[in-house]
Amino acid sequence: MSTTLLKITEVEKRVGKKKSSIYAAIQAGMFPAPVSLGPRSSAWVEAEIEQWVQERIQARQSVMKGQA
């Protein structure tokens, strides 16, 4: 099983948020936390980021169904 890790620049691109917003969401418990790769390096598990995106899509669809 292979796990892909994403650096912050790739996470920013995938979720459409800047670094400061991502870290604020992590602190609020609303975004996946990174994995420490060393004292000055971290990355995110790609599957966790994709799951977060899918949850946002599902939440939108639930709201849209409620409005119909």
PDB file of N, CA and C in Angstrom:
ATOM      1  N   MET A   1       0.843  -1.180   0.000  1.00  0.00           N
ATOM      2  CA  MET A   1       0.000   0.000   0.000  1.00  0.00           C
ATOM      3  C   MET A   1       0.892   1.248   0.000  1.00  0.00           C
ATOM      4  N   SER A   2       0.607   2.158  -0.878  1.00  0.00           N
ATOM      5  CA  SER A   2       1.409   3.364  -1.020  1.00  0.00           C
ATOM      6  C   SER A   2       0.617   4.573  -0.519  1.00  0.00           C
ATOM      7  N   THR A   3       1.252   5.386   0.290  1.00  0.00           N
ATOM      8  CA  THR A   3       0.631   6.602   0.796  1.00  0.00           C
ATOM      9  C   THR A   3       1.360   7.792   0.190  1.00  0.00           C
ATOM     10  N   THR A   4       0.604   8.675  -0.433  1.00  0.00           N
ATOM     11  CA  THR A   4       1.192   9.870  -1.023  1.00  0.00           C
ATOM     12  C   THR A   4       1.074  11.022  -0.040  1.00  0.00           C
ATOM     13  N   LEU A   5       2.169  11.739   0.137  1.00  0.00           N
ATOM     14  CA  LEU A   5       2.187  12.910   1.002  1.00  0.00           C
ATOM     15  C   LEU A   5       2.267  14.170   0.152  1.00  0.00           C
ATOM     16  N   LEU A   6       1.557  15.205   0.580  1.00  0.00           N
ATOM     17  CA  LEU A   6       1.502  16.470  -0.148  1.00  0.00           C
ATOM     18  C   LEU A   6       2.121  17.585   0.684  1.00  0.00           C
ATOM     19  N   LYS A   7       2.931  18.405   0.051  1.00  0.00           N
ATOM     20  CA  LYS A   7       3.486  19.581   0.712  1.00  0.00           C
ATOM     21  C   LYS A   7       2.424  20.685   0.722  1.00  0.00           C
ATOM     22  N   ILE A   8       2.646  21.712   1.522  1.00  0.00           N
ATOM     23  CA  ILE A   8       1.655  22.770   1.717  1.00  0.00           C
ATOM     24  C   ILE A   8       1.249  23.449   0.405  1.00  0.00           C
ATOM     25  N   THR A   9       2.175  23.651  -0.522  1.00  0.00           N
ATOM     26  CA  THR A   9       1.812  24.316  -1.781  1.00  0.00           C
ATOM     27  C   THR A   9       0.800  23.495  -2.570  1.00  0.00           C
ATOM     28  N   GLU A  10       0.939  22.179  -2.546  1.00  0.00           N
ATOM     29  CA  GLU A  10      -0.014  21.314  -3.249  1.00  0.00           C
ATOM     30  C   GLU A  10      -1.354  21.293  -2.520  1.00  0.00           C
ATOM     31  N   VAL A  11      -1.330  21.287  -1.203  1.00  0.00           N
ATOM     32  CA  VAL A  11      -2.575  21.320  -0.425  1.00  0.00           C
ATOM     33  C   VAL A  11      -3.322  22.619  -0.722  1.00  0.00           C
ATOM     34  N   GLU A  12      -2.605  23.735  -0.764  1.00  0.00           N
ATOM     35  CA  GLU A  12      -3.221  25.025  -1.086  1.00  0.00           C
ATOM     36  C   GLU A  12      -3.933  24.962  -2.434  1.00  0.00           C
ATOM     37  N   LYS A  13      -3.288  24.391  -3.426  1.00  0.00           N
ATOM     38  CA  LYS A  13      -3.875  24.281  -4.766  1.00  0.00           C
ATOM     39  C   LYS A  13      -5.129  23.417  -4.751  1.00  0.00           C
ATOM     40  N   ARG A  14      -5.064  22.302  -4.048  1.00  0.00           N
ATOM     41  CA  ARG A  14      -6.180  21.354  -4.059  1.00  0.00           C
ATOM     42  C   ARG A  14      -7.413  21.860  -3.329  1.00  0.00           C
ATOM     43  N   VAL A  15      -7.221  22.628  -2.274  1.00  0.00           N
ATOM     44  CA  VAL A  15      -8.378  23.063  -1.489  1.00  0.00           C
ATOM     45  C   VAL A  15      -8.747  24.522  -1.715  1.00  0.00           C
ATOM     46  N   GLY A  16      -7.922  25.265  -2.438  1.00  0.00           N
ATOM     47  CA  GLY A  16      -8.241  26.660  -2.736  1.00  0.00           C
ATOM     48  C   GLY A  16      -8.141  27.583  -1.538  1.00  0.00           C
ATOM     49  N   LYS A  17      -7.284  27.230  -0.579  1.00  0.00           N
ATOM     50  CA  LYS A  17      -7.070  28.062   0.602  1.00  0.00           C
ATOM     51  C   LYS A  17      -5.582  28.358   0.736  1.00  0.00           C
ATOM     52  N   LYS A  18      -5.283  29.449   1.400  1.00  0.00           N
ATOM     53  CA  LYS A  18      -3.890  29.815   1.661  1.00  0.00           C
ATOM     54  C   LYS A  18      -3.415  29.159   2.953  1.00  0.00           C
ATOM     55  N   LYS A  19      -2.107  29.147   3.114  1.00  0.00           N
ATOM     56  CA  LYS A  19      -1.459  28.501   4.256  1.00  0.00           C
ATOM     57  C   LYS A  19      -2.054  28.947   5.596  1.00  0.00           C
ATOM     58  N   SER A  20      -2.254  30.242   5.777  1.00  0.00           N
ATOM     59  CA  SER A  20      -2.767  30.747   7.057  1.00  0.00           C
ATOM     60  C   SER A  20      -4.170  30.222   7.343  1.00  0.00           C
ATOM     61  N   SER A  21      -5.011  30.139   6.317  1.00  0.00           N
ATOM     62  CA  SER A  21      -6.366  29.606   6.494  1.00  0.00           C
ATOM     63  C   SER A  21      -6.346  28.118   6.804  1.00  0.00           C
ATOM     64  N   ILE A  22      -5.440  27.402   6.170  1.00  0.00           N
ATOM     65  CA  ILE A  22      -5.308  25.964   6.415  1.00  0.00           C
ATOM     66  C   ILE A  22      -4.901  25.725   7.865  1.00  0.00           C
ATOM     67  N   TYR A  23      -3.892  26.449   8.341  1.00  0.00           N
ATOM     68  CA  TYR A  23      -3.439  26.262   9.720  1.00  0.00           C
ATOM     69  C   TYR A  23      -4.495  26.701  10.731  1.00  0.00           C
ATOM     70  N   ALA A  24      -5.263  27.734  10.416  1.00  0.00           N
ATOM     71  CA  ALA A  24      -6.353  28.150  11.308  1.00  0.00           C
ATOM     72  C   ALA A  24      -7.418  27.055  11.384  1.00  0.00           C
ATOM     73  N   ALA A  25      -7.739  26.437  10.250  1.00  0.00           N
ATOM     74  CA  ALA A  25      -8.725  25.353  10.229  1.00  0.00           C
ATOM     75  C   ALA A  25      -8.217  24.133  10.997  1.00  0.00           C
ATOM     76  N   ILE A  26      -6.921  23.865  10.930  1.00  0.00           N
ATOM     77  CA  ILE A  26      -6.337  22.764  11.706  1.00  0.00           C
ATOM     78  C   ILE A  26      -6.513  23.051  13.195  1.00  0.00           C
ATOM     79  N   GLN A  27      -6.202  24.265  13.612  1.00  0.00           N
ATOM     80  CA  GLN A  27      -6.337  24.644  15.021  1.00  0.00           C
ATOM     81  C   GLN A  27      -7.781  24.539  15.498  1.00  0.00           C
ATOM     82  N   ALA A  28      -8.730  24.790  14.602  1.00  0.00           N
ATOM     83  CA  ALA A  28     -10.154  24.706  14.938  1.00  0.00           C
ATOM     84  C   ALA A  28     -10.684  23.275  14.848  1.00  0.00           C
ATOM     85  N   GLY A  29      -9.838  22.348  14.442  1.00  0.00           N
ATOM     86  CA  GLY A  29     -10.262  20.955  14.311  1.00  0.00           C
ATOM     87  C   GLY A  29     -11.112  20.693  13.081  1.00  0.00           C
ATOM     88  N   MET A  30     -10.983  21.553  12.066  1.00  0.00           N
ATOM     89  CA  MET A  30     -11.823  21.450  10.879  1.00  0.00           C
ATOM     90  C   MET A  30     -11.048  21.081   9.615  1.00  0.00           C
ATOM     91  N   PHE A  31      -9.784  20.683   9.777  1.00  0.00           N
ATOM     92  CA  PHE A  31      -8.959  20.323   8.626  1.00  0.00           C
ATOM     93  C   PHE A  31      -7.939  19.299   9.097  1.00  0.00           C
ATOM     94  N   PRO A  32      -7.581  18.340   8.240  1.00  0.00           N
ATOM     95  CA  PRO A  32      -6.608  17.319   8.643  1.00  0.00           C
ATOM     96  C   PRO A  32      -5.258  17.929   9.035  1.00  0.00           C
ATOM     97  N   ALA A  33      -4.684  17.397  10.079  1.00  0.00           N
ATOM     98  CA  ALA A  33      -3.370  17.852  10.539  1.00  0.00           C
ATOM     99  C   ALA A  33      -2.271  17.229   9.678  1.00  0.00           C
ATOM    100  N   PRO A  34      -1.156  17.923   9.555  1.00  0.00           N
ATOM    101  CA  PRO A  34      -0.042  17.372   8.785  1.00  0.00           C
ATOM    102  C   PRO A  34       0.715  16.305   9.563  1.00  0.00           C
ATOM    103  N   VAL A  35       1.537  15.572   8.826  1.00  0.00           N
ATOM    104  CA  VAL A  35       2.444  14.578   9.389  1.00  0.00           C
ATOM    105  C   VAL A  35       3.822  15.232   9.460  1.00  0.00           C
ATOM    106  N   SER A  36       4.467  15.131  10.600  1.00  0.00           N
ATOM    107  CA  SER A  36       5.811  15.693  10.745  1.00  0.00           C
ATOM    108  C   SER A  36       6.818  14.808  10.017  1.00  0.00           C
ATOM    109  N   LEU A  37       7.624  15.433   9.167  1.00  0.00           N
ATOM    110  CA  LEU A  37       8.672  14.715   8.446  1.00  0.00           C
ATOM    111  C   LEU A  37      10.048  15.013   9.026  1.00  0.00           C
ATOM    112  N   GLY A  38      10.087  15.920   9.954  1.00  0.00           N
ATOM    113  CA  GLY A  38      11.343  16.330  10.568  1.00  0.00           C
ATOM    114  C   GLY A  38      11.125  17.625  11.314  1.00  0.00           C
ATOM    115  N   PRO A  39      12.183  18.215  11.848  1.00  0.00           N
ATOM    116  CA  PRO A  39      12.024  19.426  12.656  1.00  0.00           C
ATOM    117  C   PRO A  39      11.449  20.624  11.899  1.00  0.00           C
ATOM    118  N   ARG A  40      11.662  20.699  10.611  1.00  0.00           N
ATOM    119  CA  ARG A  40      11.168  21.855   9.845  1.00  0.00           C
ATOM    120  C   ARG A  40      10.398  21.448   8.595  1.00  0.00           C
ATOM    121  N   SER A  41       9.829  20.257   8.617  1.00  0.00           N
ATOM    122  CA  SER A  41       9.143  19.770   7.423  1.00  0.00           C
ATOM    123  C   SER A  41       7.903  18.971   7.807  1.00  0.00           C
ATOM    124  N   SER A  42       6.820  19.229   7.091  1.00  0.00           N
ATOM    125  CA  SER A  42       5.592  18.472   7.301  1.00  0.00           C
ATOM    126  C   SER A  42       4.874  18.307   5.968  1.00  0.00           C
ATOM    127  N   ALA A  43       3.959  17.361   5.942  1.00  0.00           N
ATOM    128  CA  ALA A  43       3.186  17.088   4.731  1.00  0.00           C
ATOM    129  C   ALA A  43       1.851  16.496   5.142  1.00  0.00           C
ATOM    130  N   TRP A  44       0.913  16.489   4.208  1.00  0.00           N
ATOM    131  CA  TRP A  44      -0.423  15.966   4.457  1.00  0.00           C
ATOM    132  C   TRP A  44      -0.627  14.675   3.690  1.00  0.00           C
ATOM    133  N   VAL A  45      -1.420  13.793   4.275  1.00  0.00           N
ATOM    134  CA  VAL A  45      -1.768  12.541   3.617  1.00  0.00           C
ATOM    135  C   VAL A  45      -2.792  12.873   2.530  1.00  0.00           C
ATOM    136  N   GLU A  46      -2.475  12.528   1.295  1.00  0.00           N
ATOM    137  CA  GLU A  46      -3.334  12.862   0.159  1.00  0.00           C
ATOM    138  C   GLU A  46      -4.755  12.354   0.360  1.00  0.00           C
ATOM    139  N   ALA A  47      -4.914  11.130   0.835  1.00  0.00           N
ATOM    140  CA  ALA A  47      -6.248  10.551   1.023  1.00  0.00           C
ATOM    141  C   ALA A  47      -7.081  11.363   2.017  1.00  0.00           C
ATOM    142  N   GLU A  48      -6.446  11.912   3.044  1.00  0.00           N
ATOM    143  CA  GLU A  48      -7.169  12.727   4.027  1.00  0.00           C
ATOM    144  C   GLU A  48      -7.629  14.050   3.417  1.00  0.00           C
ATOM    145  N   ILE A  49      -6.807  14.624   2.560  1.00  0.00           N
ATOM    146  CA  ILE A  49      -7.185  15.870   1.884  1.00  0.00           C
ATOM    147  C   ILE A  49      -8.330  15.602   0.912  1.00  0.00           C
ATOM    148  N   GLU A  50      -8.232  14.519   0.160  1.00  0.00           N
ATOM    149  CA  GLU A  50      -9.305  14.164  -0.772  1.00  0.00           C
ATOM    150  C   GLU A  50     -10.612  13.900  -0.029  1.00  0.00           C
ATOM    151  N   GLN A  51     -10.532  13.241   1.123  1.00  0.00           N
ATOM    152  CA  GLN A  51     -11.730  12.983   1.926  1.00  0.00           C
ATOM    153  C   GLN A  51     -12.341  14.300   2.402  1.00  0.00           C
ATOM    154  N   TRP A  52     -11.512  15.238   2.827  1.00  0.00           N
ATOM    155  CA  TRP A  52     -11.991  16.538   3.278  1.00  0.00           C
ATOM    156  C   TRP A  52     -12.734  17.253   2.141  1.00  0.00           C
ATOM    157  N   VAL A  53     -12.166  17.213   0.946  1.00  0.00           N
ATOM    158  CA  VAL A  53     -12.808  17.831  -0.220  1.00  0.00           C
ATOM    159  C   VAL A  53     -14.153  17.158  -0.493  1.00  0.00           C
ATOM    160  N   GLN A  54     -14.191  15.835  -0.467  1.00  0.00           N
ATOM    161  CA  GLN A  54     -15.437  15.108  -0.721  1.00  0.00           C
ATOM    162  C   GLN A  54     -16.498  15.438   0.324  1.00  0.00           C
ATOM    163  N   GLU A  55     -16.103  15.603   1.569  1.00  0.00           N
ATOM    164  CA  GLU A  55     -17.049  15.985   2.620  1.00  0.00           C
ATOM    165  C   GLU A  55     -17.645  17.354   2.347  1.00  0.00           C
ATOM    166  N   ARG A  56     -16.846  18.285   1.833  1.00  0.00           N
ATOM    167  CA  ARG A  56     -17.360  19.619   1.489  1.00  0.00           C
ATOM    168  C   ARG A  56     -18.377  19.509   0.352  1.00  0.00           C
ATOM    169  N   ILE A  57     -18.086  18.655  -0.631  1.00  0.00           N
ATOM    170  CA  ILE A  57     -18.997  18.460  -1.759  1.00  0.00           C
ATOM    171  C   ILE A  57     -20.306  17.850  -1.275  1.00  0.00           C
ATOM    172  N   GLN A  58     -20.223  16.837  -0.416  1.00  0.00           N
ATOM    173  CA  GLN A  58     -21.429  16.193   0.110  1.00  0.00           C
ATOM    174  C   GLN A  58     -22.257  17.164   0.942  1.00  0.00           C
ATOM    175  N   ALA A  59     -21.606  18.006   1.724  1.00  0.00           N
ATOM    176  CA  ALA A  59     -22.324  18.995   2.525  1.00  0.00           C
ATOM    177  C   ALA A  59     -23.067  19.973   1.619  1.00  0.00           C
ATOM    178  N   ARG A  60     -22.433  20.371   0.544  1.00  0.00           N
ATOM    179  CA  ARG A  60     -23.083  21.275  -0.409  1.00  0.00           C
ATOM    180  C   ARG A  60     -24.301  20.618  -1.029  1.00  0.00           C
ATOM    181  N   GLN A  61     -24.158  19.350  -1.407  1.00  0.00           N
ATOM    182  CA  GLN A  61     -25.266  18.639  -2.027  1.00  0.00           C
ATOM    183  C   GLN A  61     -26.428  18.474  -1.056  1.00  0.00           C
ATOM    184  N   SER A  62     -26.147  18.255   0.219  1.00  0.00           N
ATOM    185  CA  SER A  62     -27.199  18.132   1.228  1.00  0.00           C
ATOM    186  C   SER A  62     -27.961  19.440   1.372  1.00  0.00           C
ATOM    187  N   VAL A  63     -27.236  20.557   1.364  1.00  0.00           N
ATOM    188  CA  VAL A  63     -27.868  21.870   1.466  1.00  0.00           C
ATOM    189  C   VAL A  63     -28.728  22.127   0.240  1.00  0.00           C
ATOM    190  N   MET A  64     -28.210  21.786  -0.943  1.00  0.00           N
ATOM    191  CA  MET A  64     -28.947  22.018  -2.184  1.00  0.00           C
ATOM    192  C   MET A  64     -30.217  21.177  -2.223  1.00  0.00           C
ATOM    193  N   LYS A  65     -30.174  19.943  -1.734  1.00  0.00           N
ATOM    194  CA  LYS A  65     -31.363  19.095  -1.702  1.00  0.00           C
ATOM    195  C   LYS A  65     -32.409  19.672  -0.763  1.00  0.00           C
ATOM    196  N   GLY A  66     -31.976  20.252   0.335  1.00  0.00           N
ATOM    197  CA  GLY A  66     -32.889  20.855   1.301  1.00  0.00           C
ATOM    198  C   GLY A  66     -33.569  22.099   0.766  1.00  0.00           C
ATOM    199  N   GLN A  67     -32.956  22.757  -0.217  1.00  0.00           N
ATOM    200  CA  GLN A  67     -33.518  23.971  -0.801  1.00  0.00           C
ATOM    201  C   GLN A  67     -34.467  23.672  -1.948  1.00  0.00           C
ATOM    202  N   ALA A  68     -34.396  22.461  -2.480  1.00  0.00           N
ATOM    203  CA  ALA A  68     -35.208  22.121  -3.653  1.00  0.00           C
ATOM    204  C   ALA A  68     -36.651  21.887  -3.295  1.00  0.00           C
TER     205      ALA A  68
END
